[in-house]
Amino acid sequence: GFVGLGNRPTPLEEPEVRSILKQMEQEAPKVRVNYQVGQSVKITDGPFTDFEGLVDAIDQEKGKVRVLVSFFGRETPVELDFLQVMRLVD
């Protein structure tokens, strides 16, 4: 295989290719979630940063959390990555 910058490929040795492929096959580390359905959270990243809402659903497999955020007096579900929210202390 080849890697490189711009139009200048750099050949890889077979052990390097095997190492890269092995890393790609490994499962990504799981993020620990410290909130539950019904708890208040604050959005810390993305277009809804600093909004607060209630956890409506948690999808461990996808690493997603659905948060109900109030927009103009209506509850709107927003799907976010686990790392985009933090639990608010009750």
PDB file of N, CA and C in Angstrom:
ATOM      1  N   GLY A   1       0.805  -1.173   0.000  1.00  0.00           N
ATOM      2  CA  GLY A   1       0.000   0.000   0.000  1.00  0.00           C
ATOM      3  C   GLY A   1       0.854   1.244   0.000  1.00  0.00           C
ATOM      4  N   PHE A   2       0.197   2.385  -0.212  1.00  0.00           N
ATOM      5  CA  PHE A   2       0.876   3.674  -0.237  1.00  0.00           C
ATOM      6  C   PHE A   2       0.140   4.682   0.638  1.00  0.00           C
ATOM      7  N   VAL A   3       0.905   5.549   1.258  1.00  0.00           N
ATOM      8  CA  VAL A   3       0.383   6.731   1.934  1.00  0.00           C
ATOM      9  C   VAL A   3       1.270   7.887   1.516  1.00  0.00           C
ATOM     10  N   GLY A   4       0.926   9.089   1.850  1.00  0.00           N
ATOM     11  CA  GLY A   4       1.794  10.201   1.522  1.00  0.00           C
ATOM     12  C   GLY A   4       1.074  11.520   1.601  1.00  0.00           C
ATOM     13  N   LEU A   5       1.796  12.564   1.234  1.00  0.00           N
ATOM     14  CA  LEU A   5       1.249  13.915   1.252  1.00  0.00           C
ATOM     15  C   LEU A   5       1.119  14.409  -0.180  1.00  0.00           C
ATOM     16  N   GLY A   6      -0.017  14.981  -0.485  1.00  0.00           N
ATOM     17  CA  GLY A   6      -0.227  15.533  -1.819  1.00  0.00           C
ATOM     18  C   GLY A   6      -0.082  14.474  -2.889  1.00  0.00           C
ATOM     19  N   ASN A   7       0.769  14.734  -3.863  1.00  0.00           N
ATOM     20  CA  ASN A   7       0.977  13.816  -4.980  1.00  0.00           C
ATOM     21  C   ASN A   7       2.215  12.937  -4.808  1.00  0.00           C
ATOM     22  N   ARG A   8       2.753  12.871  -3.609  1.00  0.00           N
ATOM     23  CA  ARG A   8       3.983  12.111  -3.378  1.00  0.00           C
ATOM     24  C   ARG A   8       3.690  10.895  -2.493  1.00  0.00           C
ATOM     25  N   PRO A   9       3.367   9.762  -3.101  1.00  0.00           N
ATOM     26  CA  PRO A   9       3.086   8.562  -2.304  1.00  0.00           C
ATOM     27  C   PRO A   9       4.360   8.023  -1.655  1.00  0.00           C
ATOM     28  N   THR A  10       4.178   7.456  -0.459  1.00  0.00           N
ATOM     29  CA  THR A  10       5.268   6.822   0.270  1.00  0.00           C
ATOM     30  C   THR A  10       4.904   5.352   0.447  1.00  0.00           C
ATOM     31  N   PRO A  11       5.722   4.431  -0.056  1.00  0.00           N
ATOM     32  CA  PRO A  11       5.389   3.008   0.084  1.00  0.00           C
ATOM     33  C   PRO A  11       5.455   2.564   1.546  1.00  0.00           C
ATOM     34  N   LEU A  12       4.576   1.615   1.875  1.00  0.00           N
ATOM     35  CA  LEU A  12       4.562   1.032   3.214  1.00  0.00           C
ATOM     36  C   LEU A  12       5.098  -0.382   3.153  1.00  0.00           C
ATOM     37  N   GLU A  13       5.804  -0.761   4.210  1.00  0.00           N
ATOM     38  CA  GLU A  13       6.276  -2.139   4.337  1.00  0.00           C
ATOM     39  C   GLU A  13       5.100  -3.002   4.788  1.00  0.00           C
ATOM     40  N   GLU A  14       5.173  -4.282   4.496  1.00  0.00           N
ATOM     41  CA  GLU A  14       4.100  -5.225   4.851  1.00  0.00           C
ATOM     42  C   GLU A  14       3.779  -5.192   6.352  1.00  0.00           C
ATOM     43  N   PRO A  15       4.755  -5.178   7.273  1.00  0.00           N
ATOM     44  CA  PRO A  15       4.411  -5.116   8.705  1.00  0.00           C
ATOM     45  C   PRO A  15       3.633  -3.839   9.072  1.00  0.00           C
ATOM     46  N   GLU A  16       3.937  -2.736   8.414  1.00  0.00           N
ATOM     47  CA  GLU A  16       3.208  -1.492   8.676  1.00  0.00           C
ATOM     48  C   GLU A  16       1.759  -1.605   8.227  1.00  0.00           C
ATOM     49  N   VAL A  17       1.548  -2.218   7.074  1.00  0.00           N
ATOM     50  CA  VAL A  17       0.191  -2.410   6.556  1.00  0.00           C
ATOM     51  C   VAL A  17      -0.599  -3.303   7.504  1.00  0.00           C
ATOM     52  N   ARG A  18       0.007  -4.402   7.962  1.00  0.00           N
ATOM     53  CA  ARG A  18      -0.679  -5.319   8.896  1.00  0.00           C
ATOM     54  C   ARG A  18      -1.041  -4.597  10.194  1.00  0.00           C
ATOM     55  N   SER A  19      -0.135  -3.766  10.691  1.00  0.00           N
ATOM     56  CA  SER A  19      -0.388  -3.027  11.924  1.00  0.00           C
ATOM     57  C   SER A  19      -1.566  -2.072  11.761  1.00  0.00           C
ATOM     58  N   ILE A  20      -1.617  -1.364  10.649  1.00  0.00           N
ATOM     59  CA  ILE A  20      -2.723  -0.434  10.393  1.00  0.00           C
ATOM     60  C   ILE A  20      -4.041  -1.185  10.277  1.00  0.00           C
ATOM     61  N   LEU A  21      -4.039  -2.293   9.542  1.00  0.00           N
ATOM     62  CA  LEU A  21      -5.272  -3.076   9.377  1.00  0.00           C
ATOM     63  C   LEU A  21      -5.742  -3.648  10.707  1.00  0.00           C
ATOM     64  N   LYS A  22      -4.804  -4.086  11.544  1.00  0.00           N
ATOM     65  CA  LYS A  22      -5.161  -4.623  12.854  1.00  0.00           C
ATOM     66  C   LYS A  22      -5.829  -3.544  13.706  1.00  0.00           C
ATOM     67  N   GLN A  23      -5.298  -2.316  13.683  1.00  0.00           N
ATOM     68  CA  GLN A  23      -5.881  -1.218  14.443  1.00  0.00           C
ATOM     69  C   GLN A  23      -7.272  -0.875  13.933  1.00  0.00           C
ATOM     70  N   MET A  24      -7.481  -0.966  12.633  1.00  0.00           N
ATOM     71  CA  MET A  24      -8.785  -0.660  12.054  1.00  0.00           C
ATOM     72  C   MET A  24      -9.836  -1.683  12.450  1.00  0.00           C
ATOM     73  N   GLU A  25      -9.420  -2.919  12.702  1.00  0.00           N
ATOM     74  CA  GLU A  25     -10.362  -3.974  13.067  1.00  0.00           C
ATOM     75  C   GLU A  25     -10.781  -3.890  14.529  1.00  0.00           C
ATOM     76  N   GLN A  26      -9.979  -3.243  15.355  1.00  0.00           N
ATOM     77  CA  GLN A  26     -10.291  -3.161  16.769  1.00  0.00           C
ATOM     78  C   GLN A  26     -11.510  -2.288  16.987  1.00  0.00           C
ATOM     79  N   GLU A  27     -12.289  -2.667  17.976  1.00  0.00           N
ATOM     80  CA  GLU A  27     -13.497  -1.929  18.300  1.00  0.00           C
ATOM     81  C   GLU A  27     -13.139  -0.631  19.010  1.00  0.00           C
ATOM     82  N   ALA A  28     -13.837   0.426  18.674  1.00  0.00           N
ATOM     83  CA  ALA A  28     -13.610   1.714  19.327  1.00  0.00           C
ATOM     84  C   ALA A  28     -13.992   1.606  20.804  1.00  0.00           C
ATOM     85  N   PRO A  29     -13.293   2.315  21.674  1.00  0.00           N
ATOM     86  CA  PRO A  29     -13.630   2.256  23.098  1.00  0.00           C
ATOM     87  C   PRO A  29     -15.026   2.799  23.351  1.00  0.00           C
ATOM     88  N   LYS A  30     -15.715   2.187  24.298  1.00  0.00           N
ATOM     89  CA  LYS A  30     -17.068   2.614  24.651  1.00  0.00           C
ATOM     90  C   LYS A  30     -16.996   3.810  25.604  1.00  0.00           C
ATOM     91  N   VAL A  31     -17.868   4.762  25.388  1.00  0.00           N
ATOM     92  CA  VAL A  31     -17.950   5.931  26.250  1.00  0.00           C
ATOM     93  C   VAL A  31     -18.898   5.608  27.398  1.00  0.00           C
ATOM     94  N   ARG A  32     -18.460   5.898  28.622  1.00  0.00           N
ATOM     95  CA  ARG A  32     -19.340   5.689  29.769  1.00  0.00           C
ATOM     96  C   ARG A  32     -20.319   6.852  29.870  1.00  0.00           C
ATOM     97  N   VAL A  33     -21.567   6.512  30.038  1.00  0.00           N
ATOM     98  CA  VAL A  33     -22.620   7.517  30.132  1.00  0.00           C
ATOM     99  C   VAL A  33     -22.979   7.692  31.595  1.00  0.00           C
ATOM    100  N   ASN A  34     -22.939   8.946  32.082  1.00  0.00           N
ATOM    101  CA  ASN A  34     -23.260   9.178  33.495  1.00  0.00           C
ATOM    102  C   ASN A  34     -24.607   9.877  33.661  1.00  0.00           C
ATOM    103  N   TYR A  35     -25.500   9.648  32.714  1.00  0.00           N
ATOM    104  CA  TYR A  35     -26.850  10.190  32.803  1.00  0.00           C
ATOM    105  C   TYR A  35     -27.831   9.118  32.367  1.00  0.00           C
ATOM    106  N   GLN A  36     -29.103   9.320  32.761  1.00  0.00           N
ATOM    107  CA  GLN A  36     -30.149   8.346  32.459  1.00  0.00           C
ATOM    108  C   GLN A  36     -31.338   9.074  31.837  1.00  0.00           C
ATOM    109  N   VAL A  37     -32.240   8.293  31.256  1.00  0.00           N
ATOM    110  CA  VAL A  37     -33.470   8.854  30.700  1.00  0.00           C
ATOM    111  C   VAL A  37     -34.190   9.626  31.797  1.00  0.00           C
ATOM    112  N   GLY A  38     -34.628  10.836  31.463  1.00  0.00           N
ATOM    113  CA  GLY A  38     -35.351  11.679  32.411  1.00  0.00           C
ATOM    114  C   GLY A  38     -34.472  12.686  33.138  1.00  0.00           C
ATOM    115  N   GLN A  39     -33.153  12.534  33.051  1.00  0.00           N
ATOM    116  CA  GLN A  39     -32.257  13.463  33.740  1.00  0.00           C
ATOM    117  C   GLN A  39     -31.983  14.696  32.886  1.00  0.00           C
ATOM    118  N   SER A  40     -31.660  15.788  33.554  1.00  0.00           N
ATOM    119  CA  SER A  40     -31.321  17.039  32.883  1.00  0.00           C
ATOM    120  C   SER A  40     -29.864  17.028  32.439  1.00  0.00           C
ATOM    121  N   VAL A  41     -29.623  17.506  31.229  1.00  0.00           N
ATOM    122  CA  VAL A  41     -28.270  17.600  30.685  1.00  0.00           C
ATOM    123  C   VAL A  41     -28.068  18.962  30.032  1.00  0.00           C
ATOM    124  N   LYS A  42     -26.802  19.309  29.858  1.00  0.00           N
ATOM    125  CA  LYS A  42     -26.442  20.533  29.141  1.00  0.00           C
ATOM    126  C   LYS A  42     -25.663  20.130  27.905  1.00  0.00           C
ATOM    127  N   ILE A  43     -25.996  20.715  26.771  1.00  0.00           N
ATOM    128  CA  ILE A  43     -25.300  20.422  25.519  1.00  0.00           C
ATOM    129  C   ILE A  43     -24.011  21.245  25.515  1.00  0.00           C
ATOM    130  N   THR A  44     -22.884  20.555  25.282  1.00  0.00           N
ATOM    131  CA  THR A  44     -21.578  21.200  25.394  1.00  0.00           C
ATOM    132  C   THR A  44     -20.868  21.404  24.066  1.00  0.00           C
ATOM    133  N   ASP A  45     -21.453  20.888  22.972  1.00  0.00           N
ATOM    134  CA  ASP A  45     -20.786  20.993  21.680  1.00  0.00           C
ATOM    135  C   ASP A  45     -21.815  21.002  20.559  1.00  0.00           C
ATOM    136  N   GLY A  46     -21.490  21.674  19.480  1.00  0.00           N
ATOM    137  CA  GLY A  46     -22.364  21.696  18.316  1.00  0.00           C
ATOM    138  C   GLY A  46     -23.246  22.924  18.284  1.00  0.00           C
ATOM    139  N   PRO A  47     -24.208  22.929  17.367  1.00  0.00           N
ATOM    140  CA  PRO A  47     -25.052  24.116  17.179  1.00  0.00           C
ATOM    141  C   PRO A  47     -25.970  24.414  18.363  1.00  0.00           C
ATOM    142  N   PHE A  48     -26.169  23.467  19.264  1.00  0.00           N
ATOM    143  CA  PHE A  48     -27.052  23.674  20.411  1.00  0.00           C
ATOM    144  C   PHE A  48     -26.274  23.888  21.710  1.00  0.00           C
ATOM    145  N   THR A  49     -24.991  24.241  21.610  1.00  0.00           N
ATOM    146  CA  THR A  49     -24.146  24.465  22.778  1.00  0.00           C
ATOM    147  C   THR A  49     -24.836  25.401  23.769  1.00  0.00           C
ATOM    148  N   ASP A  50     -24.767  25.014  25.048  1.00  0.00           N
ATOM    149  CA  ASP A  50     -25.324  25.752  26.189  1.00  0.00           C
ATOM    150  C   ASP A  50     -26.832  25.594  26.360  1.00  0.00           C
ATOM    151  N   PHE A  51     -27.504  24.878  25.453  1.00  0.00           N
ATOM    152  CA  PHE A  51     -28.916  24.564  25.676  1.00  0.00           C
ATOM    153  C   PHE A  51     -29.000  23.462  26.730  1.00  0.00           C
ATOM    154  N   GLU A  52     -30.086  23.469  27.481  1.00  0.00           N
ATOM    155  CA  GLU A  52     -30.352  22.415  28.452  1.00  0.00           C
ATOM    156  C   GLU A  52     -31.588  21.656  28.014  1.00  0.00           C
ATOM    157  N   GLY A  53     -31.647  20.382  28.410  1.00  0.00           N
ATOM    158  CA  GLY A  53     -32.805  19.576  28.066  1.00  0.00           C
ATOM    159  C   GLY A  53     -32.869  18.311  28.898  1.00  0.00           C
ATOM    160  N   LEU A  54     -33.850  17.471  28.597  1.00  0.00           N
ATOM    161  CA  LEU A  54     -34.046  16.205  29.296  1.00  0.00           C
ATOM    162  C   LEU A  54     -33.680  15.054  28.377  1.00  0.00           C
ATOM    163  N   VAL A  55     -32.981  14.062  28.925  1.00  0.00           N
ATOM    164  CA  VAL A  55     -32.635  12.871  28.158  1.00  0.00           C
ATOM    165  C   VAL A  55     -33.919  12.093  27.892  1.00  0.00           C
ATOM    166  N   ASP A  56     -34.170  11.824  26.624  1.00  0.00           N
ATOM    167  CA  ASP A  56     -35.376  11.103  26.204  1.00  0.00           C
ATOM    168  C   ASP A  56     -35.059   9.654  25.858  1.00  0.00           C
ATOM    169  N   ALA A  57     -33.853   9.404  25.310  1.00  0.00           N
ATOM    170  CA  ALA A  57     -33.457   8.044  24.927  1.00  0.00           C
ATOM    171  C   ALA A  57     -31.938   7.974  24.839  1.00  0.00           C
ATOM    172  N   ILE A  58     -31.408   6.769  25.095  1.00  0.00           N
ATOM    173  CA  ILE A  58     -29.971   6.518  25.011  1.00  0.00           C
ATOM    174  C   ILE A  58     -29.758   5.304  24.123  1.00  0.00           C
ATOM    175  N   ASP A  59     -28.904   5.423  23.111  1.00  0.00           N
ATOM    176  CA  ASP A  59     -28.585   4.316  22.208  1.00  0.00           C
ATOM    177  C   ASP A  59     -27.101   3.974  22.367  1.00  0.00           C
ATOM    178  N   GLN A  60     -26.816   2.994  23.223  1.00  0.00           N
ATOM    179  CA  GLN A  60     -25.435   2.593  23.523  1.00  0.00           C
ATOM    180  C   GLN A  60     -24.696   2.148  22.269  1.00  0.00           C
ATOM    181  N   GLU A  61     -25.357   1.384  21.407  1.00  0.00           N
ATOM    182  CA  GLU A  61     -24.692   0.844  20.218  1.00  0.00           C
ATOM    183  C   GLU A  61     -24.220   1.939  19.275  1.00  0.00           C
ATOM    184  N   LYS A  62     -25.034   2.957  19.084  1.00  0.00           N
ATOM    185  CA  LYS A  62     -24.680   4.047  18.171  1.00  0.00           C
ATOM    186  C   LYS A  62     -23.910   5.168  18.857  1.00  0.00           C
ATOM    187  N   GLY A  63     -23.876   5.145  20.199  1.00  0.00           N
ATOM    188  CA  GLY A  63     -23.207   6.217  20.932  1.00  0.00           C
ATOM    189  C   GLY A  63     -23.958   7.529  20.865  1.00  0.00           C
ATOM    190  N   LYS A  64     -25.298   7.421  20.819  1.00  0.00           N
ATOM    191  CA  LYS A  64     -26.147   8.606  20.652  1.00  0.00           C
ATOM    192  C   LYS A  64     -27.100   8.764  21.833  1.00  0.00           C
ATOM    193  N   VAL A  65     -27.464  10.002  22.085  1.00  0.00           N
ATOM    194  CA  VAL A  65     -28.460  10.323  23.104  1.00  0.00           C
ATOM    195  C   VAL A  65     -29.457  11.297  22.475  1.00  0.00           C
ATOM    196  N   ARG A  66     -30.747  11.076  22.750  1.00  0.00           N
ATOM    197  CA  ARG A  66     -31.772  11.996  22.264  1.00  0.00           C
ATOM    198  C   ARG A  66     -32.190  12.874  23.431  1.00  0.00           C
ATOM    199  N   VAL A  67     -32.077  14.183  23.221  1.00  0.00           N
ATOM    200  CA  VAL A  67     -32.378  15.161  24.262  1.00  0.00           C
ATOM    201  C   VAL A  67     -33.551  16.015  23.802  1.00  0.00           C
ATOM    202  N   LEU A  68     -34.513  16.219  24.704  1.00  0.00           N
ATOM    203  CA  LEU A  68     -35.643  17.098  24.412  1.00  0.00           C
ATOM    204  C   LEU A  68     -35.255  18.514  24.828  1.00  0.00           C
ATOM    205  N   VAL A  69     -35.175  19.395  23.833  1.00  0.00           N
ATOM    206  CA  VAL A  69     -34.782  20.786  24.046  1.00  0.00           C
ATOM    207  C   VAL A  69     -35.983  21.670  23.749  1.00  0.00           C
ATOM    208  N   SER A  70     -36.174  22.693  24.548  1.00  0.00           N
ATOM    209  CA  SER A  70     -37.310  23.598  24.362  1.00  0.00           C
ATOM    210  C   SER A  70     -36.940  24.723  23.402  1.00  0.00           C
ATOM    211  N   PHE A  71     -37.660  24.775  22.259  1.00  0.00           N
ATOM    212  CA  PHE A  71     -37.520  25.847  21.280  1.00  0.00           C
ATOM    213  C   PHE A  71     -38.860  26.547  21.158  1.00  0.00           C
ATOM    214  N   PHE A  72     -38.886  27.819  21.438  1.00  0.00           N
ATOM    215  CA  PHE A  72     -40.106  28.605  21.291  1.00  0.00           C
ATOM    216  C   PHE A  72     -41.298  27.944  21.983  1.00  0.00           C
ATOM    217  N   GLY A  73     -41.050  27.390  23.171  1.00  0.00           N
ATOM    218  CA  GLY A  73     -42.117  26.791  23.960  1.00  0.00           C
ATOM    219  C   GLY A  73     -42.506  25.375  23.567  1.00  0.00           C
ATOM    220  N   ARG A  74     -41.789  24.788  22.592  1.00  0.00           N
ATOM    221  CA  ARG A  74     -42.088  23.408  22.171  1.00  0.00           C
ATOM    222  C   ARG A  74     -40.896  22.517  22.457  1.00  0.00           C
ATOM    223  N   GLU A  75     -41.168  21.300  22.911  1.00  0.00           N
ATOM    224  CA  GLU A  75     -40.113  20.311  23.133  1.00  0.00           C
ATOM    225  C   GLU A  75     -39.709  19.718  21.790  1.00  0.00           C
ATOM    226  N   THR A  76     -38.432  19.792  21.453  1.00  0.00           N
ATOM    227  CA  THR A  76     -37.923  19.296  20.185  1.00  0.00           C
ATOM    228  C   THR A  76     -36.833  18.266  20.449  1.00  0.00           C
ATOM    229  N   PRO A  77     -36.945  17.049  19.892  1.00  0.00           N
ATOM    230  CA  PRO A  77     -35.900  16.041  20.102  1.00  0.00           C
ATOM    231  C   PRO A  77     -34.661  16.361  19.256  1.00  0.00           C
ATOM    232  N   VAL A  78     -33.501  16.262  19.886  1.00  0.00           N
ATOM    233  CA  VAL A  78     -32.228  16.505  19.212  1.00  0.00           C
ATOM    234  C   VAL A  78     -31.343  15.295  19.478  1.00  0.00           C
ATOM    235  N   GLU A  79     -30.809  14.675  18.410  1.00  0.00           N
ATOM    236  CA  GLU A  79     -29.922  13.523  18.574  1.00  0.00           C
ATOM    237  C   GLU A  79     -28.474  14.002  18.597  1.00  0.00           C
ATOM    238  N   LEU A  80     -27.739  13.580  19.627  1.00  0.00           N
ATOM    239  CA  LEU A  80     -26.368  14.029  19.836  1.00  0.00           C
ATOM    240  C   LEU A  80     -25.459  12.847  20.165  1.00  0.00           C
ATOM    241  N   ASP A  81     -24.162  13.047  20.000  1.00  0.00           N
ATOM    242  CA  ASP A  81     -23.192  12.062  20.459  1.00  0.00           C
ATOM    243  C   ASP A  81     -23.083  12.160  21.976  1.00  0.00           C
ATOM    244  N   PHE A  82     -22.687  11.037  22.609  1.00  0.00           N
ATOM    245  CA  PHE A  82     -22.531  11.031  24.058  1.00  0.00           C
ATOM    246  C   PHE A  82     -21.620  12.156  24.543  1.00  0.00           C
ATOM    247  N   LEU A  83     -20.565  12.443  23.791  1.00  0.00           N
ATOM    248  CA  LEU A  83     -19.586  13.425  24.230  1.00  0.00           C
ATOM    249  C   LEU A  83     -20.055  14.872  24.066  1.00  0.00           C
ATOM    250  N   GLN A  84     -21.238  15.068  23.508  1.00  0.00           N
ATOM    251  CA  GLN A  84     -21.757  16.427  23.306  1.00  0.00           C
ATOM    252  C   GLN A  84     -22.641  16.909  24.450  1.00  0.00           C
ATOM    253  N   VAL A  85     -22.852  16.074  25.458  1.00  0.00           N
ATOM    254  CA  VAL A  85     -23.698  16.475  26.581  1.00  0.00           C
ATOM    255  C   VAL A  85     -23.040  16.121  27.904  1.00  0.00           C
ATOM    256  N   MET A  86     -23.425  16.876  28.934  1.00  0.00           N
ATOM    257  CA  MET A  86     -22.988  16.546  30.289  1.00  0.00           C
ATOM    258  C   MET A  86     -24.185  16.640  31.220  1.00  0.00           C
ATOM    259  N   ARG A  87     -24.188  15.786  32.209  1.00  0.00           N
ATOM    260  CA  ARG A  87     -25.289  15.756  33.165  1.00  0.00           C
ATOM    261  C   ARG A  87     -25.243  16.988  34.050  1.00  0.00           C
ATOM    262  N   LEU A  88     -26.417  17.540  34.305  1.00  0.00           N
ATOM    263  CA  LEU A  88     -26.529  18.645  35.248  1.00  0.00           C
ATOM    264  C   LEU A  88     -26.760  18.070  36.634  1.00  0.00           C
ATOM    265  N   VAL A  89     -26.155  18.659  37.623  1.00  0.00           N
ATOM    266  CA  VAL A  89     -26.325  18.201  39.000  1.00  0.00           C
ATOM    267  C   VAL A  89     -27.717  18.592  39.464  1.00  0.00           C
ATOM    268  N   ASP A  90     -28.440  17.598  39.989  1.00  0.00           N
ATOM    269  CA  ASP A  90     -29.814  17.850  40.454  1.00  0.00           C
ATOM    270  C   ASP A  90     -29.823  18.617  41.756  1.00  0.00           C
TER     271      ASP A  90
END
